[in-house]
Amino acid sequence: YYGMQTFDQALLAHVQKGLVSMEDALRAATHPHDFKLLVASDGQRSTSVEQVMEPQPTAA
């Protein structure tokens, strides 16, 4: 979206660079619960086509 990012995305980048602690980030996040999900997904917000198209392992 034209290179824009949300506040929480920018905050995540600072956490990943070690500039902001996770504790401070959670206090400052727009939506702390959503921020935790963003951190858990390593910043990925949705499923990509590549992930959908990856072959799934079959049970033996």
Protein backbone atom coordinates (compact mmCIF):
# COMPACT_ATOMS: atom_id res chain seq x y z
CA TYR A 1 0.00 0.00 0.00
CA TYR A 2 2.35 2.69 -1.27
CA GLY A 3 5.01 1.85 1.30
CA MET A 4 2.87 2.86 4.26
CA GLN A 5 2.87 0.94 7.52
CA THR A 6 0.88 0.98 10.71
CA PHE A 7 2.27 2.26 13.99
CA ASP A 8 2.38 -1.31 15.29
CA GLN A 9 4.38 -2.45 12.24
CA ALA A 10 6.90 0.33 12.83
CA LEU A 11 7.00 -0.60 16.50
CA LEU A 12 7.68 -4.23 15.58
CA ALA A 13 10.63 -3.16 13.42
CA HIS A 14 12.09 -1.29 16.40
CA VAL A 15 11.62 -4.32 18.65
CA GLN A 16 13.33 -6.56 16.08
CA LYS A 17 16.27 -4.14 15.87
CA GLY A 18 16.54 -4.09 19.67
CA LEU A 19 15.72 -0.39 19.92
CA VAL A 20 12.53 -0.93 21.95
CA SER A 21 11.85 -3.63 24.54
CA MET A 22 8.89 -5.95 24.11
CA GLU A 23 7.44 -4.68 27.38
CA ASP A 24 7.58 -1.04 26.24
CA ALA A 25 6.22 -1.99 22.82
CA LEU A 26 3.20 -3.73 24.34
CA ARG A 27 2.46 -0.66 26.46
CA ALA A 28 2.69 1.62 23.42
CA ALA A 29 0.97 -0.63 20.86
CA THR A 30 -2.29 0.54 19.37
CA HIS A 31 -3.82 -2.91 19.99
CA PRO A 32 -1.59 -4.98 22.33
CA HIS A 33 -3.32 -8.28 21.54
CA ASP A 34 -2.92 -7.75 17.80
CA PHE A 35 0.67 -6.66 18.36
CA LYS A 36 1.39 -9.97 20.11
CA LEU A 37 -0.03 -11.80 17.09
CA LEU A 38 2.11 -9.67 14.76
CA VAL A 39 5.21 -10.55 16.79
CA ALA A 40 4.28 -14.25 16.82
CA SER A 41 3.91 -14.25 13.04
CA ASP A 42 7.22 -12.40 12.64
CA GLY A 43 5.45 -9.46 11.01
CA GLN A 44 3.58 -11.48 8.43
CA ARG A 45 0.03 -10.25 8.20
CA SER A 46 -1.55 -12.75 5.82
CA THR A 47 -1.01 -15.97 3.95
CA SER A 48 0.88 -15.66 0.69
CA VAL A 49 0.09 -17.53 -2.51
CA GLU A 50 3.39 -19.36 -2.15
CA GLN A 51 2.36 -20.71 1.25
CA VAL A 52 -0.98 -21.90 -0.07
CA MET A 53 0.68 -23.60 -3.03
CA GLU A 54 3.36 -25.39 -0.96
CA PRO A 55 2.84 -29.14 -1.11
CA GLN A 56 1.69 -30.60 2.18
CA PRO A 57 3.55 -33.67 3.50
CA THR A 58 1.60 -36.88 3.11
CA ALA A 59 1.10 -39.35 5.92
CA ALA A 60 2.88 -42.66 5.42
